[in-house]
């Protein structure tokens, strides 16, 4: 499980626009990358810290990241068992 989680983590990092910009990706990867929570959180952090925008200006990105959080939480509660 540790190895698989590291693969998923690095996939989110590379496809999330953290190590290199998303506009350099092919179109089919860019569509997938735009839906990842790391891409949206990265955009929010960059906008708030560098472009001096408020958190309210980035509501779409926060909504996508929040949807990932809620969806992951629901899956974890439904599928995880201490057995």
C-alpha atoms as a PDB file:
ATOM      1  CA  UNK A   1       0.000   0.000   0.000  1.00  0.00           C
ATOM      2  CA  UNK A   2       2.881   2.363   0.712  1.00  0.00           C
ATOM      3  CA  UNK A   3       4.338   1.934  -2.773  1.00  0.00           C
ATOM      4  CA  UNK A   4       0.992   2.488  -4.464  1.00  0.00           C
ATOM      5  CA  UNK A   5       0.330   5.615  -2.412  1.00  0.00           C
ATOM      6  CA  UNK A   6       3.724   7.040  -3.426  1.00  0.00           C
ATOM      7  CA  UNK A   7       2.945   6.417  -7.113  1.00  0.00           C
ATOM      8  CA  UNK A   8      -0.398   8.199  -6.781  1.00  0.00           C
ATOM      9  CA  UNK A   9       1.232  11.049  -4.829  1.00  0.00           C
ATOM     10  CA  UNK A  10       3.898  11.656  -7.470  1.00  0.00           C
ATOM     11  CA  UNK A  11       1.335  11.341 -10.261  1.00  0.00           C
ATOM     12  CA  UNK A  12      -0.668  14.146  -8.617  1.00  0.00           C
ATOM     13  CA  UNK A  13       2.498  16.219  -8.204  1.00  0.00           C
ATOM     14  CA  UNK A  14       3.646  15.866 -11.819  1.00  0.00           C
ATOM     15  CA  UNK A  15       0.213  16.126 -13.414  1.00  0.00           C
ATOM     16  CA  UNK A  16      -0.963  18.803 -10.992  1.00  0.00           C
ATOM     17  CA  UNK A  17       1.192  21.583 -12.379  1.00  0.00           C
ATOM     18  CA  UNK A  18       3.456  21.770  -9.355  1.00  0.00           C
ATOM     19  CA  UNK A  19       6.730  20.729 -11.012  1.00  0.00           C
ATOM     20  CA  UNK A  20       6.064  22.082 -14.521  1.00  0.00           C
ATOM     21  CA  UNK A  21       3.258  24.144 -16.085  1.00  0.00           C
ATOM     22  CA  UNK A  22       0.100  22.477 -17.342  1.00  0.00           C
ATOM     23  CA  UNK A  23       0.133  24.333 -20.644  1.00  0.00           C
ATOM     24  CA  UNK A  24       3.168  22.268 -21.680  1.00  0.00           C
ATOM     25  CA  UNK A  25       1.165  19.033 -21.429  1.00  0.00           C
ATOM     26  CA  UNK A  26      -0.616  17.360 -24.327  1.00  0.00           C
ATOM     27  CA  UNK A  27      -4.335  18.130 -24.548  1.00  0.00           C
ATOM     28  CA  UNK A  28      -5.512  14.717 -23.313  1.00  0.00           C
ATOM     29  CA  UNK A  29      -3.383  15.036 -20.159  1.00  0.00           C
ATOM     30  CA  UNK A  30      -4.385  18.658 -19.591  1.00  0.00           C
ATOM     31  CA  UNK A  31      -8.065  17.695 -19.357  1.00  0.00           C
ATOM     32  CA  UNK A  32      -7.211  15.082 -16.712  1.00  0.00           C
ATOM     33  CA  UNK A  33      -4.844  17.452 -14.931  1.00  0.00           C
ATOM     34  CA  UNK A  34      -7.423  20.232 -14.628  1.00  0.00           C
ATOM     35  CA  UNK A  35      -9.689  17.921 -12.627  1.00  0.00           C
ATOM     36  CA  UNK A  36      -7.039  16.955 -10.058  1.00  0.00           C
ATOM     37  CA  UNK A  37      -7.218  18.554  -6.631  1.00  0.00           C
ATOM     38  CA  UNK A  38      -3.499  19.370  -6.608  1.00  0.00           C
ATOM     39  CA  UNK A  39      -3.891  21.488  -9.762  1.00  0.00           C
ATOM     40  CA  UNK A  40      -6.710  23.497  -8.261  1.00  0.00           C
ATOM     41  CA  UNK A  41      -5.049  23.964  -4.875  1.00  0.00           C
ATOM     42  CA  UNK A  42      -1.832  24.985  -6.616  1.00  0.00           C
ATOM     43  CA  UNK A  43      -3.768  27.603  -8.609  1.00  0.00           C
ATOM     44  CA  UNK A  44      -5.422  28.920  -5.438  1.00  0.00           C
ATOM     45  CA  UNK A  45      -2.127  29.175  -3.552  1.00  0.00           C
ATOM     46  CA  UNK A  46      -0.438  30.884  -6.497  1.00  0.00           C
ATOM     47  CA  UNK A  47      -3.300  33.370  -6.960  1.00  0.00           C
ATOM     48  CA  UNK A  48      -3.471  34.290  -3.274  1.00  0.00           C
ATOM     49  CA  UNK A  49       0.275  34.593  -2.692  1.00  0.00           C
ATOM     50  CA  UNK A  50       1.566  35.955  -6.001  1.00  0.00           C
ATOM     51  CA  UNK A  51      -1.347  37.652  -7.769  1.00  0.00           C
ATOM     52  CA  UNK A  52      -2.843  39.115  -4.562  1.00  0.00           C
ATOM     53  CA  UNK A  53      -6.337  37.742  -5.204  1.00  0.00           C
ATOM     54  CA  UNK A  54      -8.728  36.837  -2.419  1.00  0.00           C
ATOM     55  CA  UNK A  55      -9.894  33.337  -1.666  1.00  0.00           C
ATOM     56  CA  UNK A  56     -13.372  34.353  -2.809  1.00  0.00           C
ATOM     57  CA  UNK A  57     -12.011  35.019  -6.295  1.00  0.00           C
ATOM     58  CA  UNK A  58     -10.951  31.384  -6.604  1.00  0.00           C
ATOM     59  CA  UNK A  59     -14.305  29.762  -5.713  1.00  0.00           C
ATOM     60  CA  UNK A  60     -14.322  27.364  -8.691  1.00  0.00           C
ATOM     61  CA  UNK A  61     -10.959  25.837  -7.804  1.00  0.00           C
ATOM     62  CA  UNK A  62     -11.900  25.552  -4.137  1.00  0.00           C
ATOM     63  CA  UNK A  63     -15.182  23.906  -5.104  1.00  0.00           C
ATOM     64  CA  UNK A  64     -13.372  21.255  -7.176  1.00  0.00           C
ATOM     65  CA  UNK A  65     -10.858  20.559  -4.384  1.00  0.00           C
ATOM     66  CA  UNK A  66     -13.694  20.393  -1.848  1.00  0.00           C
ATOM     67  CA  UNK A  67     -15.561  17.961  -4.090  1.00  0.00           C
ATOM     68  CA  UNK A  68     -12.502  15.723  -4.190  1.00  0.00           C
ATOM     69  CA  UNK A  69     -12.277  15.910  -0.399  1.00  0.00           C
ATOM     70  CA  UNK A  70     -15.929  15.012   0.137  1.00  0.00           C
ATOM     71  CA  UNK A  71     -15.842  12.258  -2.493  1.00  0.00           C
ATOM     72  CA  UNK A  72     -12.690  10.731  -1.017  1.00  0.00           C
ATOM     73  CA  UNK A  73     -14.134  10.927   2.480  1.00  0.00           C
ATOM     74  CA  UNK A  74     -17.339   9.177   1.388  1.00  0.00           C
ATOM     75  CA  UNK A  75     -15.353   6.421  -0.360  1.00  0.00           C
ATOM     76  CA  UNK A  76     -13.102   5.962   2.666  1.00  0.00           C
ATOM     77  CA  UNK A  77     -16.024   5.717   5.078  1.00  0.00           C
ATOM     78  CA  UNK A  78     -17.878   3.251   2.857  1.00  0.00           C
ATOM     79  CA  UNK A  79     -14.939   1.029   1.862  1.00  0.00           C
ATOM     80  CA  UNK A  80     -12.502   1.044   4.797  1.00  0.00           C
ATOM     81  CA  UNK A  81     -12.923  -1.700   7.373  1.00  0.00           C
ATOM     82  CA  UNK A  82     -10.796  -2.668  10.383  1.00  0.00           C
ATOM     83  CA  UNK A  83     -10.771  -6.378   9.620  1.00  0.00           C
END
